[in-house]
Amino acid sequence: MQLSPKTQPLATSFQVTIGHFYTLFCKITFYAMVMVMVMVMVMVMVMVMVMVMLR
């Protein structure tokens, strides 16, 4: 959707800001999911090691 900046400068800048926020939100959500998965994997590994040591 291409808007000429002379007719609607506010709408264009608003769309650009929304796009930047959306990209940032996607990146933050992706990184949060990756970090949660890594933490779960580490916790599972620690639990397995503790069970092996206690056995």
Protein backbone atom coordinates (compact mmCIF):
# COMPACT_ATOMS: atom_id res chain seq x y z
CA MET A 1 0.00 0.00 0.00
CA GLN A 2 1.81 3.08 -1.28
CA LEU A 3 0.71 6.49 -0.03
CA SER A 4 2.22 9.71 -1.33
CA PRO A 5 3.85 11.58 1.58
CA LYS A 6 2.41 14.93 0.44
CA THR A 7 -1.25 13.96 0.76
CA GLN A 8 -1.06 11.81 3.92
CA PRO A 9 2.26 12.17 5.78
CA LEU A 10 0.71 11.23 9.12
CA ALA A 11 -0.84 7.99 7.88
CA THR A 12 2.41 6.93 6.19
CA SER A 13 4.53 7.57 9.27
CA PHE A 14 1.87 5.84 11.37
CA GLN A 15 2.01 2.75 9.14
CA VAL A 16 5.82 2.74 9.29
CA THR A 17 5.73 2.98 13.10
CA ILE A 18 3.18 0.15 13.28
CA GLY A 19 5.42 -1.95 11.03
CA HIS A 20 8.49 -1.29 13.18
CA PHE A 21 6.58 -2.17 16.37
CA TYR A 22 5.18 -5.33 14.75
CA THR A 23 8.65 -6.48 13.64
CA LEU A 24 10.08 -5.73 17.09
CA PHE A 25 7.20 -7.60 18.75
CA CYS A 26 7.73 -10.63 16.50
CA LYS A 27 11.47 -10.65 17.29
CA ILE A 28 10.84 -10.33 21.06
CA THR A 29 8.23 -13.11 20.98
CA PHE A 30 10.57 -15.37 18.96
CA TYR A 31 13.51 -14.75 21.31
CA ALA A 32 11.28 -15.32 24.37
CA MET A 33 10.06 -18.66 22.96
CA VAL A 34 13.66 -19.73 22.18
CA MET A 35 14.82 -18.77 25.69
CA VAL A 36 11.92 -20.67 27.29
CA MET A 37 12.71 -23.78 25.23
CA VAL A 38 16.41 -23.55 26.17
CA MET A 39 15.53 -23.15 29.87
CA VAL A 40 13.20 -26.18 29.72
CA MET A 41 15.91 -28.27 28.04
CA VAL A 42 18.47 -27.23 30.68
CA MET A 43 16.04 -28.06 33.50
CA VAL A 44 15.32 -31.50 31.99
CA MET A 45 19.06 -32.20 31.62
CA VAL A 46 19.70 -31.15 35.24
CA MET A 47 16.85 -33.35 36.48
CA VAL A 48 18.18 -36.34 34.50
CA MET A 49 21.70 -35.78 35.87
CA VAL A 50 20.38 -35.54 39.46
CA MET A 51 18.34 -38.75 39.04
CA VAL A 52 21.38 -40.56 37.60
CA MET A 53 23.58 -39.34 40.47
CA LEU A 54 21.04 -40.29 43.16
CA ARG A 55 20.46 -43.75 41.72
